[in-house]
Amino acid sequence: MPNSRILSGTLVAAGLALAAGPALAEGETPAERGREVVAQWCSDCHATGDRRAADVGPTFADIARRRSPDYIEGFLANPHVRGTMPPFDLSRVHIEEIVAYIETLKK
Protein backbone atom coordinates (compact mmCIF):
# COMPACT_ATOMS: atom_id res chain seq x y z
CA MET A 1 0.00 0.00 0.00
CA PRO A 2 1.46 3.42 -0.98
CA ASN A 3 2.42 5.93 1.66
CA SER A 4 -0.75 7.97 2.36
CA ARG A 5 1.23 11.24 2.60
CA ILE A 6 2.71 10.72 -0.88
CA LEU A 7 -0.67 9.72 -2.31
CA SER A 8 -2.35 12.74 -0.70
CA GLY A 9 0.31 15.09 -2.09
CA THR A 10 -0.05 13.58 -5.55
CA LEU A 11 -3.82 14.03 -5.48
CA VAL A 12 -3.49 17.65 -4.38
CA ALA A 13 -0.98 18.35 -7.19
CA ALA A 14 -3.25 16.69 -9.74
CA GLY A 15 -6.22 18.72 -8.52
CA LEU A 16 -4.28 21.97 -8.80
CA ALA A 17 -3.15 21.09 -12.32
CA LEU A 18 -6.74 20.40 -13.35
CA ALA A 19 -7.99 23.60 -11.75
CA ALA A 20 -5.44 25.63 -13.72
CA GLY A 21 -7.08 24.36 -16.92
CA PRO A 22 -5.99 26.09 -20.13
CA ALA A 23 -3.18 27.92 -18.35
CA LEU A 24 -1.19 24.69 -18.58
CA ALA A 25 -1.66 24.20 -22.31
CA GLU A 26 1.44 22.49 -23.57
CA GLY A 27 3.71 24.33 -25.96
CA GLU A 28 2.15 27.77 -25.50
CA THR A 29 4.08 30.76 -24.23
CA PRO A 30 2.74 32.81 -21.33
CA ALA A 31 1.87 35.57 -23.83
CA GLU A 32 -0.15 33.13 -25.96
CA ARG A 33 -2.02 31.90 -22.90
CA GLY A 34 -2.53 35.54 -21.87
CA ARG A 35 -4.06 36.31 -25.26
CA GLU A 36 -6.57 33.49 -24.63
CA VAL A 37 -7.47 34.85 -21.18
CA VAL A 38 -7.85 38.34 -22.64
CA ALA A 39 -10.12 37.03 -25.42
CA GLN A 40 -12.33 35.42 -22.79
CA TRP A 41 -12.45 38.14 -20.14
CA CYS A 42 -11.41 41.50 -21.59
CA SER A 43 -12.33 41.81 -25.25
CA ASP A 44 -15.94 42.90 -24.71
CA CYS A 45 -14.75 46.26 -23.35
CA HIS A 46 -11.19 46.62 -24.69
CA ALA A 47 -9.74 46.40 -28.17
CA THR A 48 -7.18 43.72 -27.43
CA GLY A 49 -5.23 43.39 -30.65
CA ASP A 50 -7.26 40.43 -31.85
CA ARG A 51 -10.62 42.13 -32.09
CA ARG A 52 -12.35 45.47 -31.79
CA ALA A 53 -14.64 46.10 -28.84
CA ALA A 54 -16.87 48.72 -27.34
CA ASP A 55 -14.85 51.77 -26.40
CA VAL A 56 -15.49 51.24 -22.71
CA GLY A 57 -11.82 50.90 -21.78
CA PRO A 58 -8.50 51.82 -23.34
CA THR A 59 -7.05 49.58 -26.01
CA PHE A 60 -4.50 47.06 -24.85
CA ALA A 61 -1.95 48.59 -27.25
CA ASP A 62 -2.45 51.94 -25.46
CA ILE A 63 -2.08 50.26 -22.07
CA ALA A 64 1.13 48.59 -23.29
CA ARG A 65 2.58 51.96 -24.32
CA ARG A 66 1.53 53.91 -21.21
CA ARG A 67 1.85 51.48 -18.29
CA SER A 68 4.66 49.41 -16.83
CA PRO A 69 4.30 45.66 -16.29
CA ASP A 70 4.37 46.25 -12.51
CA TYR A 71 1.54 48.77 -12.73
CA ILE A 72 -0.56 46.42 -14.86
CA GLU A 73 0.01 43.53 -12.43
CA GLY A 74 -1.07 45.67 -9.49
CA PHE A 75 -4.10 46.96 -11.34
CA LEU A 76 -5.27 43.48 -12.35
CA ALA A 77 -4.78 42.20 -8.81
CA ASN A 78 -7.08 44.98 -7.47
CA PRO A 79 -9.31 46.20 -10.33
CA HIS A 80 -12.22 47.03 -8.03
CA VAL A 81 -10.34 49.90 -6.43
CA ARG A 82 -9.78 51.75 -9.71
CA GLY A 83 -12.42 53.07 -12.05
CA THR A 84 -15.22 51.05 -13.54
CA MET A 85 -13.44 47.79 -14.27
CA PRO A 86 -15.40 44.74 -13.08
CA PRO A 87 -13.90 42.89 -10.10
CA PHE A 88 -12.58 39.84 -11.93
CA ASP A 89 -10.91 37.33 -9.65
CA LEU A 90 -7.87 36.49 -11.79
CA SER A 91 -5.27 34.03 -10.57
CA ARG A 92 -1.67 35.19 -10.18
CA VAL A 93 -0.74 33.01 -13.16
CA HIS A 94 -3.45 34.56 -15.35
CA ILE A 95 -2.30 38.06 -14.36
CA GLU A 96 1.28 37.22 -15.34
CA GLU A 97 0.08 35.77 -18.65
CA ILE A 98 -2.02 38.85 -19.41
CA VAL A 99 0.95 41.10 -18.66
CA ALA A 100 3.13 38.97 -20.94
CA TYR A 101 0.55 39.34 -23.72
CA ILE A 102 0.24 43.12 -23.22
CA GLU A 103 4.02 43.41 -23.42
CA THR A 104 3.88 41.93 -26.94
CA LEU A 105 1.71 44.87 -28.01
CA LYS A 106 4.33 47.54 -27.29
CA LYS A 107 5.50 49.34 -30.41
C-alpha atoms as a PDB file:
ATOM      1  CA  MET A   1       0.000   0.000   0.000  1.00  0.00           C
ATOM      2  CA  PRO A   2       1.463   3.417  -0.985  1.00  0.00           C
ATOM      3  CA  ASN A   3       2.417   5.929   1.660  1.00  0.00           C
ATOM      4  CA  SER A   4      -0.746   7.975   2.356  1.00  0.00           C
ATOM      5  CA  ARG A   5       1.228  11.239   2.598  1.00  0.00           C
ATOM      6  CA  ILE A   6       2.709  10.721  -0.877  1.00  0.00           C
ATOM      7  CA  LEU A   7      -0.674   9.718  -2.310  1.00  0.00           C
ATOM      8  CA  SER A   8      -2.346  12.737  -0.702  1.00  0.00           C
ATOM      9  CA  GLY A   9       0.313  15.090  -2.094  1.00  0.00           C
ATOM     10  CA  THR A  10      -0.046  13.575  -5.548  1.00  0.00           C
ATOM     11  CA  LEU A  11      -3.822  14.032  -5.477  1.00  0.00           C
ATOM     12  CA  VAL A  12      -3.487  17.651  -4.379  1.00  0.00           C
ATOM     13  CA  ALA A  13      -0.980  18.348  -7.189  1.00  0.00           C
ATOM     14  CA  ALA A  14      -3.254  16.689  -9.741  1.00  0.00           C
ATOM     15  CA  GLY A  15      -6.223  18.723  -8.519  1.00  0.00           C
ATOM     16  CA  LEU A  16      -4.277  21.973  -8.798  1.00  0.00           C
ATOM     17  CA  ALA A  17      -3.155  21.086 -12.320  1.00  0.00           C
ATOM     18  CA  LEU A  18      -6.741  20.399 -13.354  1.00  0.00           C
ATOM     19  CA  ALA A  19      -7.985  23.602 -11.752  1.00  0.00           C
ATOM     20  CA  ALA A  20      -5.443  25.629 -13.722  1.00  0.00           C
ATOM     21  CA  GLY A  21      -7.079  24.362 -16.916  1.00  0.00           C
ATOM     22  CA  PRO A  22      -5.993  26.090 -20.128  1.00  0.00           C
ATOM     23  CA  ALA A  23      -3.185  27.923 -18.347  1.00  0.00           C
ATOM     24  CA  LEU A  24      -1.187  24.694 -18.577  1.00  0.00           C
ATOM     25  CA  ALA A  25      -1.664  24.201 -22.308  1.00  0.00           C
ATOM     26  CA  GLU A  26       1.438  22.486 -23.567  1.00  0.00           C
ATOM     27  CA  GLY A  27       3.712  24.328 -25.960  1.00  0.00           C
ATOM     28  CA  GLU A  28       2.152  27.771 -25.496  1.00  0.00           C
ATOM     29  CA  THR A  29       4.083  30.755 -24.232  1.00  0.00           C
ATOM     30  CA  PRO A  30       2.744  32.811 -21.326  1.00  0.00           C
ATOM     31  CA  ALA A  31       1.869  35.571 -23.826  1.00  0.00           C
ATOM     32  CA  GLU A  32      -0.152  33.131 -25.957  1.00  0.00           C
ATOM     33  CA  ARG A  33      -2.023  31.905 -22.900  1.00  0.00           C
ATOM     34  CA  GLY A  34      -2.526  35.537 -21.870  1.00  0.00           C
ATOM     35  CA  ARG A  35      -4.062  36.305 -25.257  1.00  0.00           C
ATOM     36  CA  GLU A  36      -6.566  33.489 -24.634  1.00  0.00           C
ATOM     37  CA  VAL A  37      -7.468  34.845 -21.183  1.00  0.00           C
ATOM     38  CA  VAL A  38      -7.852  38.338 -22.644  1.00  0.00           C
ATOM     39  CA  ALA A  39     -10.116  37.029 -25.415  1.00  0.00           C
ATOM     40  CA  GLN A  40     -12.330  35.419 -22.792  1.00  0.00           C
ATOM     41  CA  TRP A  41     -12.453  38.140 -20.135  1.00  0.00           C
ATOM     42  CA  CYS A  42     -11.415  41.500 -21.590  1.00  0.00           C
ATOM     43  CA  SER A  43     -12.330  41.812 -25.252  1.00  0.00           C
ATOM     44  CA  ASP A  44     -15.937  42.899 -24.709  1.00  0.00           C
ATOM     45  CA  CYS A  45     -14.749  46.258 -23.349  1.00  0.00           C
ATOM     46  CA  HIS A  46     -11.192  46.621 -24.688  1.00  0.00           C
ATOM     47  CA  ALA A  47      -9.742  46.398 -28.169  1.00  0.00           C
ATOM     48  CA  THR A  48      -7.184  43.718 -27.430  1.00  0.00           C
ATOM     49  CA  GLY A  49      -5.234  43.387 -30.646  1.00  0.00           C
ATOM     50  CA  ASP A  50      -7.256  40.428 -31.853  1.00  0.00           C
ATOM     51  CA  ARG A  51     -10.616  42.129 -32.094  1.00  0.00           C
ATOM     52  CA  ARG A  52     -12.348  45.470 -31.787  1.00  0.00           C
ATOM     53  CA  ALA A  53     -14.635  46.102 -28.841  1.00  0.00           C
ATOM     54  CA  ALA A  54     -16.875  48.725 -27.340  1.00  0.00           C
ATOM     55  CA  ASP A  55     -14.852  51.774 -26.398  1.00  0.00           C
ATOM     56  CA  VAL A  56     -15.488  51.242 -22.712  1.00  0.00           C
ATOM     57  CA  GLY A  57     -11.822  50.903 -21.781  1.00  0.00           C
ATOM     58  CA  PRO A  58      -8.503  51.825 -23.345  1.00  0.00           C
ATOM     59  CA  THR A  59      -7.048  49.580 -26.012  1.00  0.00           C
ATOM     60  CA  PHE A  60      -4.497  47.056 -24.849  1.00  0.00           C
ATOM     61  CA  ALA A  61      -1.955  48.592 -27.246  1.00  0.00           C
ATOM     62  CA  ASP A  62      -2.446  51.937 -25.465  1.00  0.00           C
ATOM     63  CA  ILE A  63      -2.080  50.264 -22.073  1.00  0.00           C
ATOM     64  CA  ALA A  64       1.130  48.594 -23.286  1.00  0.00           C
ATOM     65  CA  ARG A  65       2.579  51.962 -24.320  1.00  0.00           C
ATOM     66  CA  ARG A  66       1.529  53.906 -21.213  1.00  0.00           C
ATOM     67  CA  ARG A  67       1.845  51.479 -18.295  1.00  0.00           C
ATOM     68  CA  SER A  68       4.658  49.412 -16.830  1.00  0.00           C
ATOM     69  CA  PRO A  69       4.304  45.661 -16.287  1.00  0.00           C
ATOM     70  CA  ASP A  70       4.373  46.252 -12.512  1.00  0.00           C
ATOM     71  CA  TYR A  71       1.535  48.773 -12.725  1.00  0.00           C
ATOM     72  CA  ILE A  72      -0.555  46.420 -14.860  1.00  0.00           C
ATOM     73  CA  GLU A  73       0.008  43.529 -12.435  1.00  0.00           C
ATOM     74  CA  GLY A  74      -1.066  45.665  -9.491  1.00  0.00           C
ATOM     75  CA  PHE A  75      -4.105  46.958 -11.345  1.00  0.00           C
ATOM     76  CA  LEU A  76      -5.269  43.483 -12.347  1.00  0.00           C
ATOM     77  CA  ALA A  77      -4.779  42.203  -8.810  1.00  0.00           C
ATOM     78  CA  ASN A  78      -7.081  44.978  -7.466  1.00  0.00           C
ATOM     79  CA  PRO A  79      -9.311  46.204 -10.325  1.00  0.00           C
ATOM     80  CA  HIS A  80     -12.223  47.029  -8.030  1.00  0.00           C
ATOM     81  CA  VAL A  81     -10.336  49.900  -6.433  1.00  0.00           C
ATOM     82  CA  ARG A  82      -9.779  51.752  -9.710  1.00  0.00           C
ATOM     83  CA  GLY A  83     -12.419  53.065 -12.052  1.00  0.00           C
ATOM     84  CA  THR A  84     -15.220  51.054 -13.538  1.00  0.00           C
ATOM     85  CA  MET A  85     -13.441  47.790 -14.270  1.00  0.00           C
ATOM     86  CA  PRO A  86     -15.398  44.745 -13.080  1.00  0.00           C
ATOM     87  CA  PRO A  87     -13.904  42.892 -10.103  1.00  0.00           C
ATOM     88  CA  PHE A  88     -12.581  39.839 -11.925  1.00  0.00           C
ATOM     89  CA  ASP A  89     -10.909  37.329  -9.650  1.00  0.00           C
ATOM     90  CA  LEU A  90      -7.874  36.487 -11.787  1.00  0.00           C
ATOM     91  CA  SER A  91      -5.265  34.033 -10.565  1.00  0.00           C
ATOM     92  CA  ARG A  92      -1.674  35.187 -10.177  1.00  0.00           C
ATOM     93  CA  VAL A  93      -0.737  33.012 -13.164  1.00  0.00           C
ATOM     94  CA  HIS A  94      -3.450  34.563 -15.349  1.00  0.00           C
ATOM     95  CA  ILE A  95      -2.305  38.060 -14.359  1.00  0.00           C
ATOM     96  CA  GLU A  96       1.283  37.217 -15.336  1.00  0.00           C
ATOM     97  CA  GLU A  97       0.077  35.767 -18.646  1.00  0.00           C
ATOM     98  CA  ILE A  98      -2.024  38.847 -19.406  1.00  0.00           C
ATOM     99  CA  VAL A  99       0.945  41.101 -18.660  1.00  0.00           C
ATOM    100  CA  ALA A 100       3.129  38.970 -20.937  1.00  0.00           C
ATOM    101  CA  TYR A 101       0.546  39.344 -23.717  1.00  0.00           C
ATOM    102  CA  ILE A 102       0.235  43.115 -23.225  1.00  0.00           C
ATOM    103  CA  GLU A 103       4.022  43.414 -23.424  1.00  0.00           C
ATOM    104  CA  THR A 104       3.881  41.931 -26.939  1.00  0.00           C
ATOM    105  CA  LEU A 105       1.707  44.868 -28.013  1.00  0.00           C
ATOM    106  CA  LYS A 106       4.333  47.542 -27.294  1.00  0.00           C
ATOM    107  CA  LYS A 107       5.499  49.338 -30.408  1.00  0.00           C
END
